[in-house]
Amino acid sequence: MIKVTKLNGRELVVNADLIEFVETIPDTLISLTTGRKIMVLEDMDTVIQMAVSYRSMAKIYPIPTGGTGSVFEGEPKDKRRR
């Protein structure tokens, strides 16, 4: 979750996992995967930094592409958890 400020000065907490893209038109517009759009006072680079920091703190990593996406991929079968 990241805290941003709407144009009216009210603070809002946004689920960073739902951010689809961020653009400047000239205010910063956050578009969510839900279809909702939020104009904020923070600049684009600040929103990006907050989202990256959140993902880093939460230890959220993308699943590697290719294969099955198993977290155990690459380990010998006899060492995999059951």
N, C-alpha and C. Protein backbone atom coordinates (compact mmCIF):
# COMPACT_ATOMS: atom_id res chain seq x y z
N MET A 1 0.85 -1.17 0.00
CA MET A 1 0.00 0.00 0.00
C MET A 1 0.90 1.24 0.00
N ILE A 2 0.50 2.22 -0.78
CA ILE A 2 1.24 3.49 -0.80
C ILE A 2 0.26 4.62 -0.50
N LYS A 3 0.77 5.65 0.20
CA LYS A 3 -0.07 6.79 0.55
C LYS A 3 0.20 7.91 -0.44
N VAL A 4 -0.85 8.40 -1.09
CA VAL A 4 -0.75 9.50 -2.04
C VAL A 4 -1.73 10.59 -1.64
N THR A 5 -1.59 11.75 -2.28
CA THR A 5 -2.45 12.89 -1.97
C THR A 5 -3.27 13.26 -3.20
N LYS A 6 -4.58 13.23 -3.05
CA LYS A 6 -5.46 13.63 -4.15
C LYS A 6 -5.33 15.14 -4.37
N LEU A 7 -5.81 15.62 -5.51
CA LEU A 7 -5.68 17.03 -5.85
C LEU A 7 -6.38 17.95 -4.85
N ASN A 8 -7.40 17.42 -4.13
CA ASN A 8 -8.10 18.23 -3.13
C ASN A 8 -7.39 18.24 -1.78
N GLY A 9 -6.21 17.60 -1.70
CA GLY A 9 -5.42 17.60 -0.48
C GLY A 9 -5.68 16.43 0.45
N ARG A 10 -6.66 15.61 0.16
CA ARG A 10 -6.98 14.45 1.01
C ARG A 10 -6.01 13.31 0.70
N GLU A 11 -5.56 12.65 1.75
CA GLU A 11 -4.66 11.51 1.58
C GLU A 11 -5.47 10.26 1.28
N LEU A 12 -4.86 9.39 0.50
CA LEU A 12 -5.50 8.16 0.07
C LEU A 12 -4.45 7.07 0.04
N VAL A 13 -4.83 5.87 0.45
CA VAL A 13 -3.91 4.73 0.40
C VAL A 13 -4.33 3.87 -0.79
N VAL A 14 -3.36 3.57 -1.65
CA VAL A 14 -3.61 2.82 -2.87
C VAL A 14 -2.88 1.47 -2.79
N ASN A 15 -3.55 0.43 -3.21
CA ASN A 15 -2.91 -0.88 -3.29
C ASN A 15 -1.95 -0.85 -4.48
N ALA A 16 -0.65 -0.83 -4.21
CA ALA A 16 0.36 -0.70 -5.27
C ALA A 16 0.32 -1.88 -6.24
N ASP A 17 -0.20 -3.02 -5.80
CA ASP A 17 -0.30 -4.19 -6.68
C ASP A 17 -1.33 -3.97 -7.78
N LEU A 18 -2.22 -3.01 -7.61
CA LEU A 18 -3.27 -2.76 -8.60
C LEU A 18 -2.90 -1.67 -9.61
N ILE A 19 -1.70 -1.07 -9.46
CA ILE A 19 -1.30 -0.01 -10.39
C ILE A 19 -0.96 -0.63 -11.74
N GLU A 20 -1.66 -0.19 -12.77
CA GLU A 20 -1.40 -0.67 -14.12
C GLU A 20 -0.39 0.24 -14.81
N PHE A 21 -0.61 1.56 -14.70
CA PHE A 21 0.38 2.50 -15.21
C PHE A 21 0.17 3.87 -14.58
N VAL A 22 1.22 4.70 -14.69
CA VAL A 22 1.20 6.05 -14.15
C VAL A 22 1.60 6.99 -15.28
N GLU A 23 0.87 8.10 -15.42
CA GLU A 23 1.20 9.05 -16.47
C GLU A 23 1.05 10.47 -15.95
N THR A 24 1.70 11.41 -16.64
CA THR A 24 1.62 12.82 -16.29
C THR A 24 0.91 13.55 -17.42
N ILE A 25 -0.25 14.18 -17.10
CA ILE A 25 -1.05 14.80 -18.18
C ILE A 25 -1.68 16.14 -17.80
N PRO A 26 -1.23 17.19 -17.25
CA PRO A 26 0.06 17.41 -16.63
C PRO A 26 0.11 16.91 -15.19
N ASP A 27 -1.06 16.73 -14.53
CA ASP A 27 -1.04 16.14 -13.18
C ASP A 27 -0.76 14.65 -13.30
N THR A 28 -0.36 14.05 -12.20
CA THR A 28 -0.06 12.62 -12.22
C THR A 28 -1.34 11.82 -12.11
N LEU A 29 -1.53 10.91 -13.04
CA LEU A 29 -2.72 10.06 -13.08
C LEU A 29 -2.29 8.60 -12.87
N ILE A 30 -2.86 7.99 -11.83
CA ILE A 30 -2.60 6.57 -11.55
C ILE A 30 -3.79 5.79 -12.08
N SER A 31 -3.53 4.85 -12.98
CA SER A 31 -4.58 3.98 -13.51
C SER A 31 -4.43 2.61 -12.87
N LEU A 32 -5.54 2.11 -12.31
CA LEU A 32 -5.52 0.82 -11.64
C LEU A 32 -6.07 -0.27 -12.55
N THR A 33 -5.73 -1.50 -12.25
CA THR A 33 -6.22 -2.62 -13.04
C THR A 33 -7.73 -2.77 -12.93
N THR A 34 -8.32 -2.14 -11.94
CA THR A 34 -9.78 -2.19 -11.75
C THR A 34 -10.51 -1.24 -12.70
N GLY A 35 -9.75 -0.38 -13.39
CA GLY A 35 -10.34 0.61 -14.26
C GLY A 35 -10.45 1.99 -13.62
N ARG A 36 -10.26 2.05 -12.32
CA ARG A 36 -10.33 3.33 -11.61
C ARG A 36 -9.08 4.16 -11.91
N LYS A 37 -9.25 5.48 -11.98
CA LYS A 37 -8.15 6.40 -12.22
C LYS A 37 -8.13 7.42 -11.09
N ILE A 38 -6.92 7.75 -10.61
CA ILE A 38 -6.79 8.68 -9.49
C ILE A 38 -5.74 9.72 -9.84
N MET A 39 -6.13 11.01 -9.79
CA MET A 39 -5.19 12.12 -9.97
C MET A 39 -4.56 12.44 -8.62
N VAL A 40 -3.24 12.57 -8.60
CA VAL A 40 -2.54 12.82 -7.34
C VAL A 40 -1.55 13.97 -7.48
N LEU A 41 -1.18 14.54 -6.33
CA LEU A 41 -0.21 15.64 -6.31
C LEU A 41 1.22 15.17 -6.50
N GLU A 42 1.53 13.95 -6.06
CA GLU A 42 2.89 13.43 -6.18
C GLU A 42 3.27 13.30 -7.65
N ASP A 43 4.57 13.54 -7.96
CA ASP A 43 4.98 13.38 -9.35
C ASP A 43 5.17 11.90 -9.69
N MET A 44 5.28 11.63 -10.97
CA MET A 44 5.35 10.25 -11.45
C MET A 44 6.51 9.49 -10.81
N ASP A 45 7.69 10.10 -10.74
CA ASP A 45 8.85 9.41 -10.18
C ASP A 45 8.65 9.05 -8.71
N THR A 46 7.97 9.92 -7.96
CA THR A 46 7.69 9.63 -6.55
C THR A 46 6.75 8.45 -6.41
N VAL A 47 5.70 8.39 -7.24
CA VAL A 47 4.76 7.28 -7.20
C VAL A 47 5.49 5.97 -7.54
N ILE A 48 6.33 6.02 -8.55
CA ILE A 48 7.09 4.82 -8.93
C ILE A 48 7.99 4.38 -7.79
N GLN A 49 8.71 5.34 -7.18
CA GLN A 49 9.60 5.00 -6.07
C GLN A 49 8.83 4.39 -4.91
N MET A 50 7.65 4.93 -4.58
CA MET A 50 6.85 4.39 -3.48
C MET A 50 6.38 2.97 -3.79
N ALA A 51 5.96 2.73 -5.03
CA ALA A 51 5.49 1.40 -5.42
C ALA A 51 6.63 0.39 -5.38
N VAL A 52 7.80 0.78 -5.87
CA VAL A 52 8.96 -0.12 -5.85
C VAL A 52 9.39 -0.39 -4.41
N SER A 53 9.39 0.63 -3.57
CA SER A 53 9.76 0.45 -2.15
C SER A 53 8.79 -0.49 -1.46
N TYR A 54 7.49 -0.31 -1.74
CA TYR A 54 6.48 -1.18 -1.14
C TYR A 54 6.74 -2.63 -1.53
N ARG A 55 6.96 -2.87 -2.81
CA ARG A 55 7.17 -4.23 -3.29
C ARG A 55 8.45 -4.82 -2.69
N SER A 56 9.45 -3.98 -2.50
CA SER A 56 10.70 -4.45 -1.90
C SER A 56 10.50 -4.80 -0.42
N MET A 57 9.80 -3.94 0.31
CA MET A 57 9.55 -4.19 1.74
C MET A 57 8.67 -5.42 1.93
N ALA A 58 7.71 -5.61 1.05
CA ALA A 58 6.79 -6.74 1.16
C ALA A 58 7.40 -8.02 0.60
N LYS A 59 8.60 -7.88 0.03
CA LYS A 59 9.31 -9.02 -0.58
C LYS A 59 8.44 -9.69 -1.64
N ILE A 60 7.84 -8.86 -2.48
CA ILE A 60 7.02 -9.35 -3.58
C ILE A 60 7.90 -9.36 -4.82
N TYR A 61 8.04 -10.51 -5.39
CA TYR A 61 8.88 -10.66 -6.57
C TYR A 61 8.06 -11.28 -7.69
N PRO A 62 8.35 -10.91 -8.93
CA PRO A 62 7.62 -11.53 -10.04
C PRO A 62 8.00 -12.99 -10.18
N ILE A 63 7.05 -13.78 -10.66
CA ILE A 63 7.34 -15.19 -10.94
C ILE A 63 8.18 -15.23 -12.21
N PRO A 64 9.30 -15.96 -12.21
CA PRO A 64 10.13 -16.03 -13.41
C PRO A 64 9.33 -16.55 -14.60
N THR A 65 9.62 -16.00 -15.77
CA THR A 65 8.91 -16.46 -16.96
C THR A 65 9.46 -17.79 -17.41
N GLY A 66 8.63 -18.53 -18.09
CA GLY A 66 9.05 -19.85 -18.57
C GLY A 66 8.80 -20.90 -17.52
N GLY A 67 8.79 -22.14 -17.91
CA GLY A 67 8.59 -23.23 -16.96
C GLY A 67 7.20 -23.19 -16.37
N THR A 68 7.07 -23.76 -15.21
CA THR A 68 5.77 -23.87 -14.56
C THR A 68 5.49 -22.71 -13.62
N GLY A 69 6.53 -21.93 -13.30
CA GLY A 69 6.36 -20.85 -12.34
C GLY A 69 6.43 -21.34 -10.91
N SER A 70 6.79 -22.60 -10.72
CA SER A 70 6.89 -23.15 -9.38
C SER A 70 8.04 -22.50 -8.62
N VAL A 71 7.81 -22.20 -7.34
CA VAL A 71 8.88 -21.63 -6.53
C VAL A 71 9.98 -22.65 -6.29
N PHE A 72 9.68 -23.92 -6.55
CA PHE A 72 10.67 -24.98 -6.35
C PHE A 72 11.36 -25.36 -7.65
N GLU A 73 11.03 -24.67 -8.73
CA GLU A 73 11.61 -25.00 -10.02
C GLU A 73 13.13 -24.91 -9.93
N GLY A 74 13.79 -25.87 -10.45
CA GLY A 74 15.25 -25.88 -10.45
C GLY A 74 15.84 -26.70 -9.33
N GLU A 75 15.07 -27.02 -8.31
CA GLU A 75 15.57 -27.87 -7.23
C GLU A 75 15.42 -29.33 -7.63
N PRO A 76 16.33 -30.18 -7.18
CA PRO A 76 16.16 -31.61 -7.44
C PRO A 76 14.84 -32.11 -6.84
N LYS A 77 14.18 -33.04 -7.51
CA LYS A 77 12.87 -33.52 -7.06
C LYS A 77 12.90 -34.05 -5.64
N ASP A 78 13.98 -34.70 -5.24
CA ASP A 78 14.02 -35.28 -3.90
C ASP A 78 14.14 -34.22 -2.80
N LYS A 79 14.43 -32.96 -3.16
CA LYS A 79 14.57 -31.90 -2.15
C LYS A 79 13.34 -30.99 -2.13
N ARG A 80 12.38 -31.24 -2.99
CA ARG A 80 11.18 -30.41 -3.02
C ARG A 80 10.30 -30.71 -1.81
N ARG A 81 9.64 -29.66 -1.34
CA ARG A 81 8.68 -29.85 -0.24
C ARG A 81 7.46 -30.57 -0.76
N ARG A 82 6.79 -31.25 0.11
CA ARG A 82 5.57 -31.97 -0.27
C ARG A 82 4.37 -31.34 0.36
